[in-house]
Amino acid sequence: MSLRYLLDTNVISEANRLTPNANVVQKLTNHQRESAIASVTMHELLYGCLRLAESQKRQFLFEYIK
């Protein structure tokens, strides 16, 4: 398969919300092998995560982003 979707920070973050949008989660699941993120998006996610105080939430987000 080839890459068809370049995901934005908001789309990546949506799956990790307390009540994620079911449609977004379904699309992510259905197209995970056809999706990618840009290096800028990775940086935004890491920057936001590392700004959090040391906590279980920060550790969870860091693992999620990796």
C-alpha atoms as a PDB file:
ATOM      1  CA  MET A   1       0.000   0.000   0.000  1.00  0.00           C
ATOM      2  CA  SER A   2       1.057   3.566  -0.521  1.00  0.00           C
ATOM      3  CA  LEU A   3       0.701   6.509   1.824  1.00  0.00           C
ATOM      4  CA  ARG A   4      -2.515   8.412   1.255  1.00  0.00           C
ATOM      5  CA  TYR A   5      -2.987  10.471   4.408  1.00  0.00           C
ATOM      6  CA  LEU A   6      -0.730  13.009   6.098  1.00  0.00           C
ATOM      7  CA  LEU A   7      -2.148  13.440   9.577  1.00  0.00           C
ATOM      8  CA  ASP A   8      -2.274  16.689  11.511  1.00  0.00           C
ATOM      9  CA  THR A   9      -1.538  17.098  15.227  1.00  0.00           C
ATOM     10  CA  ASN A  10      -5.245  17.437  16.009  1.00  0.00           C
ATOM     11  CA  VAL A  11      -6.081  14.122  14.358  1.00  0.00           C
ATOM     12  CA  ILE A  12      -3.302  12.299  16.225  1.00  0.00           C
ATOM     13  CA  SER A  13      -4.417  13.849  19.519  1.00  0.00           C
ATOM     14  CA  GLU A  14      -8.094  13.026  18.966  1.00  0.00           C
ATOM     15  CA  ALA A  15      -7.659   9.308  19.620  1.00  0.00           C
ATOM     16  CA  ASN A  16      -6.236  10.104  23.051  1.00  0.00           C
ATOM     17  CA  ARG A  17      -9.085  12.309  24.311  1.00  0.00           C
ATOM     18  CA  LEU A  18     -11.388  11.194  27.123  1.00  0.00           C
ATOM     19  CA  THR A  19     -14.241  10.926  24.613  1.00  0.00           C
ATOM     20  CA  PRO A  20     -12.700  10.721  21.156  1.00  0.00           C
ATOM     21  CA  ASN A  21     -14.758  11.240  18.038  1.00  0.00           C
ATOM     22  CA  ALA A  22     -15.758   7.746  16.952  1.00  0.00           C
ATOM     23  CA  ASN A  23     -15.509   8.619  13.256  1.00  0.00           C
ATOM     24  CA  VAL A  24     -11.924   9.843  13.616  1.00  0.00           C
ATOM     25  CA  VAL A  25     -10.906   6.748  15.580  1.00  0.00           C
ATOM     26  CA  GLN A  26     -12.542   4.489  12.986  1.00  0.00           C
ATOM     27  CA  LYS A  27     -10.754   6.240  10.114  1.00  0.00           C
ATOM     28  CA  LEU A  28      -7.417   6.025  11.947  1.00  0.00           C
ATOM     29  CA  THR A  29      -7.970   2.322  12.525  1.00  0.00           C
ATOM     30  CA  ASN A  30      -9.054   1.614   8.956  1.00  0.00           C
ATOM     31  CA  HIS A  31      -6.222   3.559   7.332  1.00  0.00           C
ATOM     32  CA  GLN A  32      -3.317   3.143   9.744  1.00  0.00           C
ATOM     33  CA  ARG A  33      -1.074   1.508   7.139  1.00  0.00           C
ATOM     34  CA  GLU A  34      -1.767   4.320   4.669  1.00  0.00           C
ATOM     35  CA  SER A  35      -1.103   7.185   7.095  1.00  0.00           C
ATOM     36  CA  ALA A  36       1.951   9.174   8.089  1.00  0.00           C
ATOM     37  CA  ILE A  37       2.831  12.300  10.042  1.00  0.00           C
ATOM     38  CA  ALA A  38       5.247  15.071   9.136  1.00  0.00           C
ATOM     39  CA  SER A  39       8.333  15.782  11.219  1.00  0.00           C
ATOM     40  CA  VAL A  40       6.765  19.114  12.220  1.00  0.00           C
ATOM     41  CA  THR A  41       3.759  17.262  13.618  1.00  0.00           C
ATOM     42  CA  MET A  42       6.036  14.922  15.576  1.00  0.00           C
ATOM     43  CA  HIS A  43       7.848  17.937  17.000  1.00  0.00           C
ATOM     44  CA  GLU A  44       4.557  19.597  18.006  1.00  0.00           C
ATOM     45  CA  LEU A  45       3.439  16.448  19.813  1.00  0.00           C
ATOM     46  CA  LEU A  46       6.749  15.998  21.625  1.00  0.00           C
ATOM     47  CA  TYR A  47       6.995  19.675  22.542  1.00  0.00           C
ATOM     48  CA  GLY A  48       3.506  19.655  24.040  1.00  0.00           C
ATOM     49  CA  CYS A  49       4.188  16.440  25.918  1.00  0.00           C
ATOM     50  CA  LEU A  50       7.531  17.542  27.344  1.00  0.00           C
ATOM     51  CA  ARG A  51       6.044  20.826  28.590  1.00  0.00           C
ATOM     52  CA  LEU A  52       3.855  18.842  31.000  1.00  0.00           C
ATOM     53  CA  ALA A  53       5.027  18.271  34.551  1.00  0.00           C
ATOM     54  CA  GLU A  54       6.463  14.826  35.295  1.00  0.00           C
ATOM     55  CA  SER A  55       3.425  12.594  35.757  1.00  0.00           C
ATOM     56  CA  GLN A  56       1.795   9.380  34.630  1.00  0.00           C
ATOM     57  CA  LYS A  57      -0.096  11.360  31.981  1.00  0.00           C
ATOM     58  CA  ARG A  58       3.155  12.733  30.560  1.00  0.00           C
ATOM     59  CA  GLN A  59       4.717   9.263  30.534  1.00  0.00           C
ATOM     60  CA  PHE A  60       1.624   7.805  28.844  1.00  0.00           C
ATOM     61  CA  LEU A  61       1.637  10.542  26.174  1.00  0.00           C
ATOM     62  CA  PHE A  62       5.351  10.112  25.572  1.00  0.00           C
ATOM     63  CA  GLU A  63       4.879   6.371  25.015  1.00  0.00           C
ATOM     64  CA  TYR A  64       1.864   7.058  22.787  1.00  0.00           C
ATOM     65  CA  ILE A  65       3.865   9.463  20.627  1.00  0.00           C
ATOM     66  CA  LYS A  66       6.878   7.153  20.270  1.00  0.00           C
END
